[in-house]
Amino acid sequence: MLLKFLSQNYPTEKNVFLIPKFALRIVGFYPGDSKSRLMHAWLIFNMFVLVYGSYAEFMFGVHYLSIDVVRALDALCPVASSIMAIVKLSFLWWHRAELNCIIKRVAELTAEQKSPLKSYYKHRYFTTATRLSAAVLCFGTTTSTLYTIRAAMVNYSSYLREEKIPYETPFKMIFPQPLLSMPIFPLTFILSHWHGYITVAGFAGTDGLFLCFCMYIGTLLKALQFDMKDLLSDVDSVTRKSTSEYEFRESLKLIIARHNEIIDLVKRFSAVMSGVTLAHFVTSSVIIGTCVVDVLLFSDLSGIFVYSVHTMAVTSELFLYCLGGTVVIECSSQLATAAYDSQWYTHSVEVQRMVLLIIIRAQRSLVVKVPFFAPSLPALASVSQPLRLCRVFEL
């Protein structure tokens, strides 16, 4: 089965960063992969196609802005995604060593959680991350393919009507005239089409990496909750009579050390991804606004459909970031509740003090920090509220 990774029975271990790894390897690099000359050449080629395509799109939009607003916006809307893909891939490549260390450590920590309850939550969180990342990749691929189909239909319909072929490329770009005429035009068309797929792979890989990291951190925080409850059961229970207070303290120290390491991993990841995440939210708002304007300006059904799907793709990206941020916030705050709900008060005073310190620290929710805000579903809802109010007033 081609999409067997979406099934419930797919092995949990194979889900680890599955979609980000697949998408970024299409571009030519994934943090931690050994680099061959062939992969270096493939990465350079893809980045050249992406950068030159973005430049050609931007120049097309600027050129037609005073001539034909519809055609200009038709180029400027997708170019924002392309430019953002360049930024994301550049950040990932620049911080590839740090990301490799973070990814490997998260994978090692999650692999250590093997109890039945931990395995259940691990499978649940890992599967959710893979499916949602695959959904964004699917939305992006569909959007890019629709741009290609629309351009092919325009060229072919002109050929059938025996009119002058406009030699439309999937994305509106300024090319030298020889590239927009036969026999070179098919190659230009293919490169423009591939430019769209590189853009999709770039943002799907980065967004999927963000979501997967947050989901895996949520799994580790859940595991801490279970360990805390199990350790701090009633001191008079049969299963705990043989355990000394010294062993309790040593076990608590291990839990605290794991909690500190998780906090450190989130801080390191935030330092790498904060700029990318902020830029993504800013550009996404511009893209969604441009898509809405394009839907209103386009009279043909194909253009309306393309930009409707494009809007859904960008919105799904925002949802990924906000869902990942929410998982980290909620799972970190639940650690304090789990510690408080345990039988911590039946232990020695020293153990009680350690637990109270854990509760106090866990009450300050762990967040993936971004300048000016924290990605979360409440933040997404508050941003979407003005849009809903505008629709109500329009009705």
Protein backbone atom coordinates (compact mmCIF):
# COMPACT_ATOMS: atom_id res chain seq x y z
CA MET A 1 0.00 0.00 0.00
CA LEU A 2 1.48 3.30 -1.13
CA LEU A 3 0.21 5.35 1.83
CA LYS A 4 0.67 2.65 4.48
CA PHE A 5 2.40 5.19 6.76
CA LEU A 6 -1.05 6.75 7.32
CA SER A 7 -2.48 3.51 8.72
CA GLN A 8 -2.91 2.94 12.44
CA ASN A 9 -0.70 -0.16 12.37
CA TYR A 10 2.34 1.58 10.91
CA PRO A 11 5.37 1.08 13.24
CA THR A 12 5.89 4.02 15.60
CA GLU A 13 9.67 4.02 15.14
CA LYS A 14 9.32 4.60 11.40
CA ASN A 15 7.17 7.69 12.01
CA VAL A 16 10.07 9.65 13.53
CA PHE A 17 10.36 12.83 11.41
CA LEU A 18 9.06 10.80 8.44
CA ILE A 19 7.46 13.56 6.32
CA PRO A 20 10.10 16.29 7.04
CA LYS A 21 12.81 13.80 6.15
CA PHE A 22 11.06 12.86 2.89
CA ALA A 23 10.29 16.46 1.87
CA LEU A 24 13.71 17.92 2.67
CA ARG A 25 15.52 15.08 0.93
CA ILE A 26 13.62 16.01 -2.24
CA VAL A 27 15.32 19.40 -2.05
CA GLY A 28 18.69 17.76 -1.44
CA PHE A 29 19.49 18.01 2.26
CA TYR A 30 18.25 16.87 5.65
CA PRO A 31 20.05 17.75 8.92
CA GLY A 32 22.27 14.84 9.83
CA ASP A 33 22.42 13.17 6.41
CA SER A 34 25.84 12.36 5.04
CA LYS A 35 26.56 14.56 2.06
CA SER A 36 27.84 13.22 -1.23
CA ARG A 37 28.93 15.28 -4.20
CA LEU A 38 25.82 14.22 -6.06
CA MET A 39 23.55 15.44 -3.24
CA HIS A 40 25.48 18.70 -3.02
CA ALA A 41 25.00 19.22 -6.76
CA TRP A 42 21.29 18.40 -6.46
CA LEU A 43 20.88 20.88 -3.61
CA ILE A 44 22.69 23.63 -5.54
CA PHE A 45 20.56 22.97 -8.62
CA ASN A 46 17.30 23.08 -6.65
CA MET A 47 18.26 26.24 -4.80
CA PHE A 48 19.22 27.89 -8.09
CA VAL A 49 15.85 26.99 -9.60
CA LEU A 50 14.06 28.24 -6.47
CA VAL A 51 15.98 31.52 -6.22
CA TYR A 52 15.86 32.35 -9.93
CA GLY A 53 12.20 31.39 -10.14
CA SER A 54 11.37 33.63 -7.18
CA TYR A 55 13.28 36.51 -8.80
CA ALA A 56 11.46 35.97 -12.13
CA GLU A 57 8.08 35.83 -10.38
CA PHE A 58 8.75 38.97 -8.37
CA MET A 59 9.92 40.92 -11.40
CA PHE A 60 6.86 39.80 -13.35
CA GLY A 61 4.57 41.04 -10.57
CA VAL A 62 6.36 44.37 -10.26
CA HIS A 63 6.32 44.87 -14.05
CA TYR A 64 2.58 44.22 -14.40
CA LEU A 65 1.51 46.00 -11.23
CA SER A 66 0.81 49.24 -13.10
CA ILE A 67 -0.42 47.46 -16.24
CA ASP A 68 -2.64 44.60 -15.13
CA VAL A 69 -3.28 44.21 -11.40
CA VAL A 70 -4.83 40.77 -11.77
CA ARG A 71 -1.80 39.34 -13.59
CA ALA A 72 0.53 41.06 -11.14
CA LEU A 73 -1.20 39.55 -8.12
CA ASP A 74 -1.25 36.21 -9.91
CA ALA A 75 2.55 36.30 -9.73
CA LEU A 76 3.06 38.05 -6.38
CA CYS A 77 0.83 35.66 -4.43
CA PRO A 78 2.84 32.44 -5.02
CA VAL A 79 6.18 34.27 -4.97
CA ALA A 80 5.66 35.03 -1.27
CA SER A 81 5.60 31.28 -0.59
CA SER A 82 8.69 30.78 -2.74
CA ILE A 83 10.65 33.50 -0.93
CA MET A 84 9.58 32.03 2.41
CA ALA A 85 10.77 28.60 1.26
CA ILE A 86 14.20 30.11 0.49
CA VAL A 87 14.33 31.64 3.98
CA LYS A 88 13.28 28.39 5.67
CA LEU A 89 15.75 26.23 3.77
CA SER A 90 18.54 28.73 4.39
CA PHE A 91 17.85 28.72 8.14
CA LEU A 92 17.75 24.93 8.27
CA TRP A 93 20.98 24.63 6.32
CA TRP A 94 22.76 27.25 8.43
CA HIS A 95 21.71 25.53 11.69
CA ARG A 96 21.98 21.98 10.32
CA ALA A 97 24.54 20.88 12.94
CA GLU A 98 22.43 22.16 15.86
CA LEU A 99 19.24 20.68 14.38
CA ASN A 100 20.97 17.36 13.87
CA CYS A 101 21.92 17.22 17.56
CA ILE A 102 18.40 18.17 18.65
CA ILE A 103 16.71 15.68 16.32
CA LYS A 104 18.96 12.82 17.40
CA ARG A 105 18.51 13.55 21.10
CA VAL A 106 14.72 13.80 20.82
CA ALA A 107 14.66 10.50 18.94
CA GLU A 108 16.82 8.86 21.62
CA LEU A 109 14.65 10.13 24.48
CA THR A 110 11.41 9.04 22.83
CA ALA A 111 12.86 5.59 22.07
CA GLU A 112 13.49 5.09 25.80
CA GLN A 113 9.76 5.36 26.63
CA LYS A 114 8.61 1.75 26.39
CA SER A 115 5.87 1.11 28.96
CA PRO A 116 2.41 0.21 27.55
CA LEU A 117 0.84 3.55 28.51
CA LYS A 118 3.81 5.53 27.19
CA SER A 119 3.81 3.50 23.96
CA TYR A 120 0.12 4.25 23.48
CA TYR A 121 0.62 8.02 23.74
CA LYS A 122 3.81 7.86 21.71
CA HIS A 123 2.05 6.06 18.86
CA ARG A 124 -0.86 8.49 19.08
CA TYR A 125 1.28 11.62 18.98
CA PHE A 126 3.70 10.29 16.37
CA THR A 127 0.87 9.19 14.05
CA THR A 128 -0.88 12.56 14.41
CA ALA A 129 2.32 14.42 13.54
CA THR A 130 2.90 12.25 10.45
CA ARG A 131 -0.67 12.55 9.20
CA LEU A 132 -0.92 16.31 9.64
CA SER A 133 2.49 16.86 8.03
CA ALA A 134 1.41 14.65 5.13
CA ALA A 135 -1.81 16.67 4.81
CA VAL A 136 0.16 19.92 4.44
CA LEU A 137 2.45 18.28 1.88
CA CYS A 138 -0.62 17.03 -0.01
CA PHE A 139 -2.27 20.48 0.04
CA GLY A 140 0.91 22.11 -1.21
CA THR A 141 1.47 19.54 -3.96
CA THR A 142 -2.15 19.88 -5.09
CA THR A 143 -1.84 23.67 -5.20
CA SER A 144 1.35 23.55 -7.28
CA THR A 145 -0.15 20.95 -9.61
CA LEU A 146 -3.26 23.07 -10.14
CA TYR A 147 -1.09 26.02 -11.22
CA THR A 148 0.56 23.72 -13.77
CA ILE A 149 -2.74 22.31 -15.04
CA ARG A 150 -4.18 25.80 -15.43
CA ALA A 151 -1.20 26.97 -17.53
CA ALA A 152 -1.28 23.80 -19.65
CA MET A 153 -5.00 24.28 -20.31
CA VAL A 154 -4.45 27.89 -21.43
CA ASN A 155 -1.71 26.86 -23.87
CA TYR A 156 -3.59 23.85 -25.19
CA SER A 157 -6.90 25.68 -25.64
CA SER A 158 -5.11 28.36 -27.67
CA TYR A 159 -3.55 25.62 -29.80
CA LEU A 160 -6.94 23.99 -30.44
CA ARG A 161 -8.49 27.30 -31.45
CA GLU A 162 -5.50 27.88 -33.77
CA GLU A 163 -4.71 31.10 -31.95
CA LYS A 164 -1.31 32.40 -30.99
CA ILE A 165 -0.03 30.27 -28.12
CA PRO A 166 0.70 32.52 -25.11
CA TYR A 167 3.36 30.13 -23.78
CA GLU A 168 2.11 30.42 -20.23
CA THR A 169 4.31 28.87 -17.53
CA PRO A 170 2.80 27.34 -14.37
CA PHE A 171 3.89 30.39 -12.39
CA LYS A 172 3.97 33.86 -13.92
CA MET A 173 7.65 34.62 -14.54
CA ILE A 174 9.74 36.90 -16.70
CA PHE A 175 12.07 34.86 -18.92
CA PRO A 176 14.29 35.77 -21.88
CA GLN A 177 12.27 35.45 -25.07
CA PRO A 178 14.18 32.38 -26.40
CA LEU A 179 13.04 30.42 -23.33
CA LEU A 180 9.39 31.20 -24.15
CA SER A 181 9.44 29.82 -27.67
CA MET A 182 9.86 26.42 -29.25
CA PRO A 183 11.77 24.17 -28.96
CA ILE A 184 13.07 25.32 -25.53
CA PHE A 185 9.67 26.18 -24.02
CA PRO A 186 8.88 22.62 -22.77
CA LEU A 187 12.07 22.70 -20.70
CA THR A 188 11.14 26.14 -19.32
CA PHE A 189 7.66 24.83 -18.48
CA ILE A 190 9.11 21.82 -16.62
CA LEU A 191 11.56 23.96 -14.64
CA SER A 192 8.80 26.36 -13.63
CA HIS A 193 6.69 23.38 -12.57
CA TRP A 194 9.60 21.94 -10.55
CA HIS A 195 10.11 25.36 -8.95
CA GLY A 196 6.67 24.97 -7.42
CA TYR A 197 7.42 21.51 -6.08
CA ILE A 198 10.68 22.69 -4.50
CA THR A 199 8.71 25.44 -2.76
CA VAL A 200 6.24 22.87 -1.45
CA ALA A 201 9.01 20.54 -0.26
CA GLY A 202 10.78 23.43 1.48
CA PHE A 203 7.85 24.67 3.53
CA ALA A 204 6.32 21.22 4.14
CA GLY A 205 9.65 19.92 5.42
CA THR A 206 10.20 22.89 7.74
CA ASP A 207 6.61 23.04 9.00
CA GLY A 208 6.53 19.28 9.48
CA LEU A 209 9.80 19.45 11.40
CA PHE A 210 8.29 22.05 13.74
CA LEU A 211 5.12 20.02 14.34
CA CYS A 212 6.96 16.72 14.81
CA PHE A 213 9.36 18.27 17.31
CA CYS A 214 6.48 19.73 19.33
CA MET A 215 4.56 16.44 19.26
CA TYR A 216 7.61 14.47 20.37
CA ILE A 217 8.26 16.95 23.19
CA GLY A 218 4.62 16.46 24.20
CA THR A 219 5.27 12.70 24.28
CA LEU A 220 8.29 13.18 26.56
CA LEU A 221 6.31 15.44 28.89
CA LYS A 222 3.51 12.86 29.04
CA ALA A 223 6.08 10.21 29.94
CA LEU A 224 7.32 12.45 32.77
CA GLN A 225 3.76 12.72 34.08
CA PHE A 226 3.36 8.94 34.16
CA ASP A 227 6.74 8.44 35.85
CA MET A 228 5.87 11.09 38.42
CA LYS A 229 2.51 9.48 39.27
CA ASP A 230 4.04 6.02 39.42
CA LEU A 231 6.90 7.10 41.64
CA LEU A 232 4.82 9.20 44.04
CA SER A 233 2.12 6.66 44.74
CA ASP A 234 1.10 6.13 48.37
CA VAL A 235 4.14 5.37 50.50
CA ASP A 236 2.07 2.82 52.45
CA SER A 237 1.07 0.85 49.36
CA VAL A 238 2.34 -2.71 48.97
CA THR A 239 4.39 -1.89 45.90
CA ARG A 240 6.27 0.93 47.65
CA LYS A 241 7.05 -0.52 51.09
CA SER A 242 10.40 -1.89 49.97
CA THR A 243 11.51 1.41 48.42
CA SER A 244 13.61 3.66 50.63
CA GLU A 245 13.37 7.42 50.68
CA TYR A 246 16.88 7.59 49.30
CA GLU A 247 15.72 5.70 46.19
CA PHE A 248 12.76 8.08 45.92
CA ARG A 249 15.08 11.05 45.96
CA GLU A 250 17.42 9.54 43.37
CA SER A 251 14.47 8.70 41.10
CA LEU A 252 13.14 12.24 41.49
CA LYS A 253 16.55 13.62 40.56
CA LEU A 254 16.43 11.60 37.32
CA ILE A 255 12.96 12.97 36.56
CA ILE A 256 14.14 16.52 37.25
CA ALA A 257 17.19 15.98 35.02
CA ARG A 258 14.95 14.77 32.17
CA HIS A 259 12.64 17.74 32.67
CA ASN A 260 15.61 20.12 32.55
CA GLU A 261 16.87 18.48 29.36
CA ILE A 262 13.45 18.80 27.73
CA ILE A 263 13.36 22.49 28.66
CA ASP A 264 16.84 22.92 27.21
CA LEU A 265 15.85 21.17 23.96
CA VAL A 266 12.84 23.47 23.56
CA LYS A 267 15.00 26.55 24.17
CA ARG A 268 17.58 25.40 21.61
CA PHE A 269 14.92 24.61 19.05
CA SER A 270 13.19 27.95 19.68
CA ALA A 271 16.47 29.78 19.10
CA VAL A 272 16.75 28.16 15.67
CA MET A 273 13.11 28.39 14.59
CA SER A 274 11.93 31.67 16.14
CA GLY A 275 12.90 33.83 13.16
CA VAL A 276 11.50 31.34 10.66
CA THR A 277 8.22 31.03 12.57
CA LEU A 278 7.74 34.80 12.87
CA ALA A 279 8.50 35.32 9.18
CA HIS A 280 6.12 32.50 8.29
CA PHE A 281 3.21 34.06 10.18
CA VAL A 282 3.84 37.47 8.61
CA THR A 283 4.09 36.16 5.05
CA SER A 284 1.15 33.79 5.54
CA SER A 285 -1.11 36.70 6.44
CA VAL A 286 0.04 38.49 3.27
CA ILE A 287 -0.50 35.36 1.15
CA ILE A 288 -3.99 34.72 2.54
CA GLY A 289 -4.98 38.35 1.96
CA THR A 290 -3.64 38.25 -1.61
CA CYS A 291 -5.41 34.94 -2.27
CA VAL A 292 -8.73 36.41 -1.11
CA VAL A 293 -8.24 39.41 -3.40
CA ASP A 294 -7.37 37.09 -6.29
CA VAL A 295 -10.50 35.01 -5.69
CA LEU A 296 -12.58 38.19 -5.85
CA LEU A 297 -10.85 39.49 -8.99
CA PHE A 298 -10.75 36.27 -11.01
CA SER A 299 -13.82 35.66 -13.14
CA ASP A 300 -12.88 32.18 -14.41
CA LEU A 301 -13.64 29.14 -12.28
CA SER A 302 -10.13 27.67 -12.59
CA GLY A 303 -8.47 30.74 -11.04
CA ILE A 304 -10.97 30.83 -8.17
CA PHE A 305 -10.43 27.12 -7.49
CA VAL A 306 -6.62 27.44 -7.56
CA TYR A 307 -6.53 30.29 -5.06
CA SER A 308 -9.13 28.67 -2.82
CA VAL A 309 -6.91 25.59 -2.53
CA HIS A 310 -3.87 27.85 -2.05
CA THR A 311 -5.62 29.56 0.86
CA MET A 312 -6.43 26.18 2.43
CA ALA A 313 -2.78 25.12 2.08
CA VAL A 314 -1.45 28.25 3.81
CA THR A 315 -4.08 28.01 6.55
CA SER A 316 -3.14 24.38 7.20
CA GLU A 317 0.48 25.49 7.68
CA LEU A 318 -0.58 28.02 10.32
CA PHE A 319 -2.64 25.33 12.02
CA LEU A 320 0.42 23.06 12.23
CA TYR A 321 2.47 25.70 14.03
CA CYS A 322 -0.33 26.61 16.42
CA LEU A 323 -1.21 22.99 17.17
CA GLY A 324 2.42 22.15 17.91
CA GLY A 325 2.77 25.14 20.23
CA THR A 326 -0.46 24.19 22.03
CA VAL A 327 0.70 20.60 22.61
CA VAL A 328 3.93 21.81 24.25
CA ILE A 329 2.10 24.36 26.43
CA GLU A 330 -0.61 21.97 27.60
CA CYS A 331 1.63 18.96 28.23
CA SER A 332 4.12 21.06 30.20
CA SER A 333 1.40 22.58 32.40
CA GLN A 334 -0.16 19.13 32.96
CA LEU A 335 3.07 18.01 34.61
CA ALA A 336 2.34 20.30 37.57
CA THR A 337 -1.18 18.89 37.84
CA ALA A 338 0.10 15.31 37.66
CA ALA A 339 2.62 15.96 40.45
CA TYR A 340 0.02 17.68 42.64
CA ASP A 341 -2.55 14.89 42.14
CA SER A 342 -0.06 12.23 43.25
CA GLN A 343 0.49 11.03 46.81
CA TRP A 344 3.50 13.31 47.30
CA TYR A 345 2.43 14.33 50.80
CA THR A 346 2.91 10.74 52.12
CA HIS A 347 6.68 10.97 51.60
CA SER A 348 9.42 12.57 53.62
CA VAL A 349 9.77 16.32 53.96
CA GLU A 350 12.77 16.41 51.61
CA VAL A 351 10.85 14.56 48.90
CA GLN A 352 7.89 16.89 49.41
CA ARG A 353 10.12 19.92 48.90
CA MET A 354 11.52 18.47 45.67
CA VAL A 355 8.03 17.79 44.35
CA LEU A 356 6.83 21.29 45.28
CA LEU A 357 9.75 22.77 43.36
CA ILE A 358 8.78 20.64 40.34
CA ILE A 359 5.19 21.88 40.62
CA ILE A 360 6.28 25.52 40.86
CA ARG A 361 8.56 25.17 37.84
CA ALA A 362 6.01 23.25 35.76
CA GLN A 363 3.33 25.87 36.43
CA ARG A 364 5.27 28.17 34.14
CA SER A 365 4.20 26.66 30.83
CA LEU A 366 6.93 25.64 28.42
CA VAL A 367 6.52 27.45 25.09
CA VAL A 368 8.29 27.51 21.75
CA LYS A 369 9.21 31.19 21.92
CA VAL A 370 8.63 33.47 18.96
CA PRO A 371 9.10 37.26 19.06
CA PHE A 372 5.87 39.07 20.06
CA PHE A 373 3.70 35.94 20.53
CA ALA A 374 3.60 32.19 21.17
CA PRO A 375 2.10 29.90 18.50
CA SER A 376 -1.06 28.31 19.91
CA LEU A 377 -4.62 27.51 18.92
CA PRO A 378 -6.04 30.35 21.08
CA ALA A 379 -3.69 32.75 19.27
CA LEU A 380 -4.90 31.41 15.91
CA ALA A 381 -8.51 31.81 17.03
CA SER A 382 -7.92 35.41 18.14
CA VAL A 383 -6.31 36.23 14.80
CA SER A 384 -9.21 34.64 12.92
CA GLN A 385 -11.85 36.52 14.95
CA PRO A 386 -11.62 39.78 12.95
CA LEU A 387 -12.04 37.80 9.72
CA ARG A 388 -15.23 36.21 11.03
CA LEU A 389 -16.56 39.58 12.14
CA CYS A 390 -15.89 41.00 8.68
CA ARG A 391 -17.87 38.18 7.10
CA VAL A 392 -20.77 38.80 9.49
CA PHE A 393 -20.84 42.51 8.58
CA GLU A 394 -20.69 41.64 4.88
CA LEU A 395 -23.71 39.38 5.28
